Amino acid sequence: MNIHLATISYYVKCFIRQCAKLKQYSIYEIYNKLLQKGLQTSIIEEELELLKDSDYEEQVREKLENGKLKSYDEEKKKAYFYRRGFKF
C-alpha cells in the first residue's frame, strides 16, 4: 500500500469519526463533505461502509428527535431530516 494512500485513508477515517461523534452528520453529508475536499470516491465509499452497516443514522435521528427537534411537529422533523440527507 502506498504511504500517500494510507495517509488519505487515515484522514478519511478521522474525518468520519469527527463528523459522526461531534457534528452528527448523516452519511450523505459526510460523503459530500469528503467529495468537496477532492478525495477519491473509492476511498470514501470503502471507509463509509462501516457506518452504513451499523445503525448510526438511526441513533443520530433518535438523539436529534429527543433533543434539538423535540418541539418540532412531525412535518418539520421530516423536512429537517430530508434536508440533512437522512433516509427513512
Protein backbone atom coordinates (compact mmCIF):
# COMPACT_ATOMS: atom_id res chain seq x y z
CA MET A 1 0.00 0.00 0.00
CA ASN A 2 1.27 3.41 -0.92
CA ILE A 3 2.12 5.69 2.02
CA HIS A 4 0.17 8.54 0.43
CA LEU A 5 -2.88 6.31 0.08
CA ALA A 6 -2.54 5.17 3.71
CA THR A 7 -2.39 8.79 4.85
CA ILE A 8 -5.51 9.68 2.88
CA SER A 9 -7.32 6.63 4.23
CA TYR A 10 -6.38 7.61 7.79
CA TYR A 11 -7.57 11.17 7.18
CA VAL A 12 -10.91 9.90 5.87
CA LYS A 13 -11.36 7.66 8.93
CA CYS A 14 -10.61 10.56 11.30
CA PHE A 15 -12.91 12.91 9.41
CA ILE A 16 -15.75 10.38 9.50
CA ARG A 17 -15.25 9.81 13.22
CA GLN A 18 -15.27 13.57 13.89
CA CYS A 19 -18.42 14.16 11.84
CA ALA A 20 -20.18 11.20 13.40
CA LYS A 21 -19.35 11.99 17.03
CA LEU A 22 -19.27 15.76 17.18
CA LYS A 23 -21.44 17.08 14.38
CA GLN A 24 -23.92 14.23 13.98
CA TYR A 25 -23.93 14.39 10.18
CA SER A 26 -25.83 11.93 8.05
CA ILE A 27 -23.83 9.52 5.91
CA TYR A 28 -24.86 11.55 2.86
CA GLU A 29 -23.50 14.76 4.41
CA ILE A 30 -20.19 13.10 5.33
CA TYR A 31 -19.85 11.70 1.81
CA ASN A 32 -20.46 15.10 0.23
CA LYS A 33 -18.05 16.90 2.58
CA LEU A 34 -15.30 14.44 1.65
CA LEU A 35 -16.06 14.80 -2.06
CA GLN A 36 -15.75 18.58 -1.71
CA LYS A 37 -12.25 18.05 -0.36
CA GLY A 38 -11.36 16.28 -3.62
CA LEU A 39 -10.86 12.79 -2.26
CA GLN A 40 -11.35 9.65 -4.33
CA THR A 41 -14.83 8.16 -4.20
CA SER A 42 -13.45 4.63 -3.85
CA ILE A 43 -11.64 5.52 -0.61
CA ILE A 44 -14.66 7.39 0.75
CA GLU A 45 -17.08 4.56 -0.01
CA GLU A 46 -14.73 1.96 1.47
CA GLU A 47 -14.49 3.83 4.76
CA LEU A 48 -18.21 4.69 4.91
CA GLU A 49 -19.20 1.02 4.61
CA LEU A 50 -18.72 0.58 8.35
CA LEU A 51 -21.19 3.37 9.11
CA LYS A 52 -23.68 2.06 6.58
CA ASP A 53 -23.59 -1.40 8.16
CA SER A 54 -24.25 -0.04 11.65
CA ASP A 55 -27.39 1.68 12.92
CA TYR A 56 -25.56 5.03 13.02
CA GLU A 57 -28.22 7.11 11.24
CA GLU A 58 -30.97 5.67 13.41
CA GLN A 59 -29.06 6.62 16.58
CA VAL A 60 -28.40 10.16 15.35
CA ARG A 61 -32.01 10.60 14.30
CA GLU A 62 -33.20 9.42 17.71
CA LYS A 63 -30.77 11.73 19.51
CA LEU A 64 -31.90 14.73 17.46
CA GLU A 65 -35.59 13.94 17.96
CA ASN A 66 -35.15 13.76 21.73
CA GLY A 67 -33.04 16.90 21.86
CA LYS A 68 -32.98 19.66 19.31
CA LEU A 69 -36.17 18.66 17.46
CA LYS A 70 -38.32 17.86 20.48
CA SER A 71 -40.60 20.86 20.00
CA TYR A 72 -40.96 20.39 16.20
CA ASP A 73 -44.11 18.88 14.75
CA GLU A 74 -43.83 15.76 12.55
CA GLU A 75 -43.87 17.72 9.29
CA LYS A 76 -40.96 19.94 10.35
CA LYS A 77 -38.99 16.94 11.64
CA LYS A 78 -39.42 15.10 8.37
CA ALA A 79 -38.35 18.18 6.37
CA TYR A 80 -35.30 18.63 8.63
CA PHE A 81 -34.17 15.02 8.16
CA TYR A 82 -34.69 15.06 4.39
CA ARG A 83 -32.73 18.29 4.13
CA ARG A 84 -29.84 16.74 6.06
CA GLY A 85 -29.84 13.58 3.93
CA PHE A 86 -31.23 11.04 6.39
CA LYS A 87 -33.10 8.08 4.95
CA PHE A 88 -36.29 6.62 6.38
